[in-house]
Protein backbone atom coordinates (compact mmCIF):
# COMPACT_ATOMS: atom_id res chain seq x y z
CA MET A 1 123.40 74.19 110.79
CA SER A 2 121.18 77.67 109.95
CA PRO A 3 117.68 77.86 110.77
CA SER A 4 116.70 78.35 107.16
CA ARG A 5 117.66 74.30 106.94
CA THR A 6 115.47 73.64 110.05
CA THR A 7 112.87 75.50 110.00
CA PRO A 8 110.62 75.15 106.86
CA ARG A 9 109.50 78.21 105.20
CA PHE A 10 105.63 78.61 105.28
CA SER A 11 103.79 78.50 101.80
CA PRO A 12 101.04 80.76 102.20
CA HIS A 13 98.03 79.23 100.35
CA SER A 14 95.52 81.02 97.84
CA TYR A 15 92.09 79.52 99.18
CA THR A 16 89.22 79.31 96.78
CA GLN A 17 85.29 79.61 96.97
CA THR A 18 84.84 75.92 96.99
CA GLU A 19 87.15 75.21 99.68
CA LEU A 20 85.99 77.94 102.02
CA GLU A 21 82.77 76.43 101.40
CA ALA A 22 83.91 73.02 102.60
CA ILE A 23 85.65 74.59 105.68
CA LEU A 24 83.04 76.42 106.80
CA ARG A 25 80.74 73.17 106.58
CA ALA A 26 83.59 70.69 108.37
CA PRO A 27 83.37 70.46 112.10
CA GLY A 28 87.29 71.15 113.15
CA GLY A 29 87.63 73.40 109.90
CA HIS A 30 90.05 76.38 109.75
CA VAL A 31 92.59 78.30 107.61
CA VAL A 32 95.95 79.21 108.59
CA VAL A 33 96.87 82.49 107.13
CA PRO A 34 100.22 84.66 107.93
CA THR A 35 100.20 88.12 109.58
CA SER A 36 101.24 90.89 107.12
CA GLY A 37 104.78 90.90 108.07
CA SER A 38 104.89 94.65 107.54
CA THR A 39 106.75 95.21 110.67
CA GLY A 40 108.64 91.84 111.07
CA ALA A 41 108.66 88.35 110.32
CA PRO A 42 104.93 86.80 109.85
CA LYS A 43 103.36 84.84 112.49
CA LEU A 44 101.05 81.80 111.33
CA VAL A 45 97.62 82.67 112.49
CA VAL A 46 94.82 79.33 113.42
CA VAL A 47 91.55 81.05 112.36
CA SER A 48 88.33 78.59 112.66
CA ALA A 49 85.51 78.23 110.69
CA ASP A 50 83.46 79.44 113.61
CA ALA A 51 85.57 82.65 113.89
CA LEU A 52 84.78 83.18 110.12
CA ARG A 53 81.37 82.78 110.57
CA ALA A 54 80.84 85.02 113.54
CA SER A 55 82.85 87.96 111.79
CA GLY A 56 81.04 87.17 108.29
CA GLU A 57 77.39 87.54 109.77
CA ALA A 58 78.56 90.16 111.59
CA THR A 59 79.25 92.18 108.86
CA PHE A 60 76.10 91.39 107.09
CA ARG A 61 74.44 93.15 109.87
CA ALA A 62 76.74 96.20 109.86
CA LEU A 63 76.11 96.60 106.17
CA ASN A 64 73.16 96.13 104.13
CA GLY A 65 72.64 92.29 104.81
CA PRO A 66 74.34 89.66 102.22
CA GLY A 67 75.39 90.42 98.79
CA GLN A 68 77.74 89.75 96.22
CA TRP A 69 81.49 90.70 96.52
CA LEU A 70 84.12 91.13 94.53
CA LEU A 71 87.59 89.77 95.22
CA ALA A 72 90.63 92.32 94.76
CA LEU A 73 92.81 91.16 97.31
CA PRO A 74 95.25 87.93 97.74
CA SER A 75 92.66 85.03 99.19
CA SER A 76 96.19 83.73 100.74
CA HIS A 77 95.39 86.60 103.55
CA ILE A 78 92.74 87.13 105.78
CA ALA A 79 90.75 90.06 104.14
CA GLY A 80 90.90 88.20 100.71
CA ILE A 81 89.61 84.90 102.76
CA GLN A 82 86.74 86.71 104.22
CA VAL A 83 85.55 87.99 101.13
CA LEU A 84 85.23 84.14 99.90
CA ALA A 85 83.71 83.27 103.46
CA ARG A 86 81.23 86.11 103.12
CA SER A 87 80.20 84.75 99.55
CA VAL A 88 79.66 81.08 100.87
CA LEU A 89 77.31 82.67 103.89
CA ALA A 90 75.62 85.22 101.49
CA GLY A 91 75.01 81.95 99.27
CA GLN A 92 76.50 84.00 96.00
CA THR A 93 79.42 82.99 93.76
CA CYS A 94 82.21 85.71 94.00
CA VAL A 95 83.94 87.54 91.17
CA GLU A 96 87.31 87.16 91.62
CA MET A 97 89.85 89.59 89.87
CA PRO A 98 93.39 87.80 88.31
CA GLU A 99 95.55 87.88 91.79
CA GLY A 100 98.40 90.23 91.34
CA HIS A 101 97.20 92.45 88.34
CA PHE A 102 95.34 94.95 90.01
CA SER A 103 94.54 97.86 87.73
CA ALA A 104 91.93 100.40 86.82
CA GLN A 105 90.73 98.47 83.75
CA SER A 106 90.83 95.39 85.88
CA PHE A 107 88.61 96.30 88.36
CA ILE A 108 86.37 98.03 86.10
CA SER A 109 85.93 94.65 83.79
CA ALA A 110 85.18 92.68 87.12
CA ALA A 111 82.97 94.85 88.69
CA ASP A 112 80.85 94.33 85.38
CA GLN A 113 80.38 90.96 86.21
CA LEU A 114 78.60 91.04 89.43
CA THR A 115 74.99 90.29 88.87
CA ALA A 116 73.35 90.87 92.31
CA ARG A 117 71.55 94.26 93.40
CA THR A 118 73.42 94.11 97.02
CA ARG A 119 77.46 94.42 95.90
CA TYR A 120 80.75 94.80 98.12
CA THR A 121 84.01 94.59 97.71
CA SER A 122 87.22 94.89 100.40
CA LEU A 123 90.20 97.16 99.21
CA VAL A 124 93.15 98.47 100.63
CA PRO A 125 94.37 102.06 100.12
CA THR A 126 96.78 101.65 97.92
CA GLN A 127 93.99 100.03 95.21
CA LEU A 128 91.54 102.86 95.93
CA HIS A 129 93.78 105.30 95.29
CA ARG A 130 95.19 103.58 92.27
CA LEU A 131 91.57 104.21 91.17
CA LEU A 132 91.00 107.48 91.94
CA THR A 133 94.45 108.97 90.80
CA ASN A 134 95.01 112.01 88.51
CA ASP A 135 97.65 110.06 87.04
CA GLN A 136 95.62 107.55 84.76
CA PRO A 137 93.19 108.96 81.82
CA ALA A 138 90.51 111.16 82.49
CA GLU A 139 88.15 108.65 80.73
CA LEU A 140 89.45 105.65 82.75
CA ARG A 141 89.28 107.29 85.78
CA SER A 142 85.91 108.58 85.11
CA GLN A 143 84.56 104.80 84.07
CA ALA A 144 86.27 103.61 87.53
CA VAL A 145 84.63 106.29 89.79
CA ALA A 146 81.50 105.03 88.05
CA ALA A 147 82.14 101.48 89.09
CA LEU A 148 82.88 102.08 92.45
CA ARG A 149 79.89 103.98 92.61
CA THR A 150 77.88 100.66 92.04
CA PHE A 151 79.23 98.98 95.50
CA ASP A 152 76.85 99.22 98.77
CA ALA A 153 79.85 99.32 100.39
CA ILE A 154 83.89 99.41 99.76
CA LEU A 155 85.27 98.21 102.96
CA LEU A 156 88.77 99.75 102.92
CA GLY A 157 91.45 98.93 105.48
CA GLY A 158 95.00 96.66 105.87
CA ALA A 159 96.64 100.49 106.47
CA ALA A 160 95.94 103.61 107.41
CA SER A 161 93.86 105.82 105.09
CA SER A 162 94.69 109.43 104.50
CA ALA A 163 92.04 112.32 105.22
CA THR A 164 92.78 113.26 101.52
CA LEU A 165 92.03 109.93 100.04
CA LEU A 166 88.39 109.56 102.30
CA ARG A 167 87.74 113.07 101.16
CA ALA A 168 88.28 112.09 97.39
CA ALA A 169 86.10 109.33 97.86
CA SER A 170 83.19 110.74 99.51
CA ALA A 171 83.49 113.80 96.69
CA ALA A 172 83.24 111.14 94.14
CA GLY A 173 80.08 109.71 95.83
CA ILE A 174 81.78 106.71 97.02
CA HIS A 175 80.66 104.45 99.79
CA VAL A 176 83.67 103.79 101.79
CA VAL A 177 83.69 102.26 104.98
CA THR A 178 87.00 101.62 106.71
CA THR A 179 87.86 99.05 108.69
CA TYR A 180 90.15 98.03 111.77
CA GLY A 181 91.54 94.45 112.60
CA MET A 182 93.93 91.64 111.84
CA SER A 183 94.38 88.19 110.93
CA GLU A 184 94.28 87.45 114.79
CA THR A 185 90.67 88.86 114.82
CA ALA A 186 89.44 86.95 111.45
CA GLY A 187 89.92 90.40 109.47
CA GLY A 188 88.13 93.42 110.32
CA CYS A 189 85.91 93.85 113.63
CA VAL A 190 85.81 97.60 113.96
CA TYR A 191 83.69 99.60 110.85
CA SER A 192 84.30 103.11 110.63
CA GLY A 193 85.55 103.02 114.29
CA VAL A 194 82.43 101.47 115.50
CA PRO A 195 82.98 97.63 116.79
CA LEU A 196 81.03 94.79 115.12
CA ASP A 197 78.02 93.52 117.49
CA VAL A 198 79.89 90.60 118.29
CA ALA A 199 83.56 92.34 119.12
CA ARG A 200 84.37 94.15 122.09
CA VAL A 201 86.87 96.88 122.61
CA ARG A 202 89.10 98.15 125.20
CA LEU A 203 92.44 100.15 126.05
CA ASP A 204 94.77 99.54 128.72
CA ALA A 205 96.62 101.93 130.67
CA GLU A 206 99.14 102.65 127.81
CA SER A 207 96.22 102.94 125.43
CA ARG A 208 96.94 99.64 123.69
CA ILE A 209 93.82 98.22 121.77
CA TYR A 210 92.68 94.72 123.18
CA LEU A 211 89.64 93.05 121.05
CA ALA A 212 87.32 90.13 122.01
CA GLY A 213 84.42 88.38 120.77
CA PRO A 214 83.73 84.91 118.76
CA MET A 215 85.74 86.22 115.94
CA LEU A 216 88.99 86.01 117.46
CA ALA A 217 91.49 83.09 115.84
CA ASP A 218 92.32 80.40 118.07
CA GLY A 219 95.97 81.21 118.53
CA TYR A 220 99.61 81.19 116.72
CA LEU A 221 100.62 77.95 114.49
CA ALA A 222 103.35 76.44 117.25
CA THR A 223 105.46 74.73 114.41
CA PRO A 224 105.94 76.35 111.25
CA ALA A 225 104.89 73.89 108.18
CA ALA A 226 106.19 74.12 104.56
CA GLU A 227 102.37 74.20 103.78
CA HIS A 228 99.11 73.81 105.12
CA ASP A 229 96.46 71.27 103.74
CA PRO A 230 93.00 73.62 103.77
CA HIS A 231 91.05 70.53 104.47
CA CYS A 232 92.88 69.81 107.33
CA VAL A 233 90.63 69.44 110.27
CA ALA A 234 93.13 68.47 113.10
CA GLN A 235 93.59 70.33 116.02
CA HIS A 236 97.40 71.91 116.08
CA ASP A 237 99.63 72.58 118.95
CA LEU A 238 99.30 76.72 119.48
CA SER A 239 100.95 79.09 120.85
CA GLY A 240 99.24 82.43 122.14
CA LEU A 241 102.70 84.29 122.51
CA ASP A 242 101.64 87.53 124.83
CA ALA A 243 98.97 88.19 122.31
CA PHE A 244 95.89 86.57 123.68
CA VAL A 245 95.66 86.93 127.19
CA ILE A 246 92.56 85.96 129.62
CA ASP A 247 91.00 88.41 131.98
CA ASP A 248 89.30 87.57 135.41
CA ASP A 249 86.12 86.65 133.92
CA SER A 250 87.75 84.11 131.53
CA VAL A 251 87.23 86.38 128.49
CA GLN A 252 89.87 86.08 126.20
CA TRP A 253 91.33 89.24 124.53
CA HIS A 254 93.88 89.82 121.69
CA ARG A 255 96.56 92.53 122.84
CA THR A 256 97.09 94.24 119.63
CA ASN A 257 99.87 96.35 118.78
CA ASP A 258 98.22 99.54 118.18
CA LEU A 259 97.45 102.43 120.31
CA GLY A 260 94.20 103.91 120.14
CA THR A 261 91.38 106.31 122.10
CA LEU A 262 87.70 105.25 122.90
CA SER A 263 85.28 107.74 123.31
CA SER A 264 83.37 107.09 126.36
CA GLU A 265 79.84 108.17 124.84
CA ALA A 266 79.33 106.59 121.92
CA GLY A 267 82.29 104.01 122.35
CA HIS A 268 84.07 105.35 118.87
CA LEU A 269 87.67 103.64 118.43
CA THR A 270 90.36 105.91 116.57
CA VAL A 271 93.51 103.79 116.17
CA LEU A 272 96.29 106.07 116.43
CA GLY A 273 98.86 103.79 114.62
CA ARG A 274 101.40 100.84 116.16
CA ALA A 275 103.10 100.93 119.57
CA ASP A 276 106.33 99.96 118.10
CA ASP A 277 105.82 102.79 115.41
CA VAL A 278 105.98 105.47 117.83
CA ILE A 279 108.85 107.93 117.54
CA LEU A 280 110.28 109.26 120.32
CA SER A 281 112.19 112.40 119.72
CA GLY A 282 113.25 114.99 121.88
CA GLY A 283 111.25 113.38 124.55
CA LEU A 284 107.71 113.48 122.90
CA ASN A 285 106.08 109.95 121.78
CA ILE A 286 105.05 110.93 118.15
CA SER A 287 102.32 108.98 116.27
CA PRO A 288 103.30 108.55 112.71
CA HIS A 289 99.76 108.20 111.70
CA THR A 290 99.02 111.56 113.12
CA ILE A 291 101.36 113.45 111.02
CA GLU A 292 100.60 111.19 108.01
CA SER A 293 96.93 112.18 108.11
CA GLU A 294 97.96 115.82 107.63
CA LEU A 295 100.16 115.07 104.98
CA GLY A 296 98.08 115.90 101.76
CA SER A 297 96.97 117.26 98.98
CA GLU A 298 97.72 121.08 100.27
CA PHE A 299 101.61 120.07 100.12
CA GLY A 300 101.40 118.34 96.95
CA ILE A 301 101.46 115.04 98.50
CA ASP A 302 99.77 112.11 97.24
CA GLN A 303 100.81 109.20 99.69
CA ALA A 304 103.10 109.77 102.89
CA VAL A 305 104.71 107.46 105.33
CA VAL A 306 106.52 108.70 108.52
CA VAL A 307 109.57 107.01 110.43
CA GLY A 308 112.06 108.20 112.87
CA VAL A 309 115.60 107.83 111.82
CA PRO A 310 118.30 107.64 114.53
CA ASP A 311 119.48 110.85 115.65
CA PRO A 312 122.18 111.66 118.07
CA GLU A 313 120.78 115.23 119.32
CA TRP A 314 116.89 114.20 119.10
CA GLY A 315 117.11 110.20 119.89
CA SER A 316 114.84 109.61 116.46
CA ARG A 317 114.44 112.38 113.70
CA VAL A 318 110.89 112.23 112.14
CA VAL A 319 111.07 111.83 108.25
CA ALA A 320 108.15 111.51 105.68
CA VAL A 321 108.68 109.40 102.61
CA VAL A 322 106.28 110.60 100.35
CA THR A 323 104.85 110.34 96.56
CA ARG A 324 103.70 113.45 94.99
CA CYS A 325 100.14 114.44 93.50
CA ALA A 326 100.35 114.75 89.88
CA GLU A 327 101.09 118.02 87.75
CA SER A 328 102.15 119.18 91.28
CA GLU A 329 105.29 120.19 93.51
CA ILE A 330 105.99 119.17 96.76
CA ALA A 331 105.65 122.01 98.82
CA PRO A 332 109.07 123.87 100.27
CA LEU A 333 110.28 121.78 103.51
CA ALA A 334 109.85 125.22 105.50
CA GLN A 335 106.07 125.48 104.77
CA ILE A 336 105.44 121.69 105.49
CA ARG A 337 106.94 122.41 108.83
CA GLN A 338 105.40 125.60 109.90
CA THR A 339 102.08 124.40 108.83
CA LEU A 340 102.23 121.09 110.76
CA THR A 341 104.32 122.79 113.74
CA SER A 342 100.79 125.01 114.50
CA ARG A 343 98.61 122.16 113.53
CA LEU A 344 100.31 119.34 115.88
CA GLY A 345 102.93 121.19 118.02
CA LYS A 346 106.22 121.36 118.34
CA GLY A 347 108.25 118.35 117.37
CA PHE A 348 105.31 116.76 114.94
CA ALA A 349 106.88 118.29 112.08
CA PRO A 350 109.19 116.27 109.54
CA ARG A 351 112.55 116.88 109.70
CA ALA A 352 113.28 115.73 106.22
CA VAL A 353 110.60 115.11 103.34
CA ILE A 354 111.84 112.28 100.83
CA GLU A 355 110.29 111.92 97.54
CA VAL A 356 109.96 108.31 96.23
CA ASP A 357 108.21 107.44 92.66
CA THR A 358 106.35 104.57 94.99
CA LEU A 359 106.16 103.57 98.34
CA PRO A 360 107.18 100.10 98.66
CA HIS A 361 104.27 97.55 99.96
CA THR A 362 103.86 94.19 101.32
CA SER A 363 102.03 91.29 99.30
CA SER A 364 99.11 92.02 101.34
CA GLY A 365 99.07 95.56 100.28
CA LYS A 366 100.14 97.41 103.08
CA PRO A 367 102.99 99.88 103.55
CA ASP A 368 106.41 97.83 103.99
CA ARG A 369 107.54 100.28 106.41
CA GLN A 370 110.72 98.22 107.23
CA ALA A 371 111.84 98.96 104.07
CA ILE A 372 110.81 102.37 103.87
CA LEU A 373 112.68 103.19 107.26
CA ALA A 374 115.54 101.20 105.72
CA LEU A 375 115.15 103.66 102.39
CA ALA A 376 114.93 106.63 104.76
CA ARG A 377 117.96 106.07 106.71
CA THR A 378 120.04 105.14 103.55
CA SER A 379 118.57 108.64 102.23
CA GLN A 380 119.81 110.88 105.51
CA SER A 381 123.34 109.02 105.53
CA GLN A 382 124.24 110.32 102.31
């Protein structure tokens, strides 16, 4: 019998603010959310009400205090759930955009419905890019920028943000706070490189990032279920796999799949990318994020994802899958390679640049690296 007949497929639940209010109030309350699935099969994470509360209250302290939120992300994923939880904790009614219909006009309309003086939203880079892109009429873009400026902070996470996008937001007077976190940490727990006051960060000898604090999830649901009752308060059989570890001081840490650097003085965390995304090419360990951050508008490139395509000589060949800026042509490959070689060193320049109309994304808004890798492999084999 096939696995699909014996293992029910989990159906993510789209939570409401009313449900989050009940979950935060109930002893034993929790949510079950899938990981993004951007690099493999999603796992089901059990996040307690205590973890949601610890994260939400720390967010208030890191920003301008409680405020009203605009929900622009799926409420079946942790970032959207946190918007609802923070709304409950702030005693504010969340303004929700129609799920699955993100556009500049719908964002502007939703922002107009906010009534509180202090206001926030969470976006993924793809959404912010759509609001700032020159592909839309100038008047609509101007209105979108005006709407973005009304927010005290826009939390931007779910995927790495390009330097080009962040510069464009800053130049437009938009207050962006980049976030780093995952379902296992109840969402973002590092804001613009600085851990929330409840979060602890350390690196191991291989530069892998470990996170600890009261915002950690309980673990993974050991037995998959077709669906989960949002009002469930029962304890579940959990699995930590190798992602949750306890140190000699009995502190539980989440062992992430990401690599980073941590400044010794300020404790500022720089995320280099996923360990399993690192490309081994010609004996070099190459971080795709390092290359992606350099592939910007100077080359006529709007968005970029870098992957490693198998190569008989180099082990893996560095390939960039990109979209182009409006009314621009992508620079010749030789120019891109020469510039990146001078900036990053030999081996970091992509050996091919593949232009696509749009980049594949997961339901949570992250670049779908598996789909992008498959696209690159197909293109390179032709």
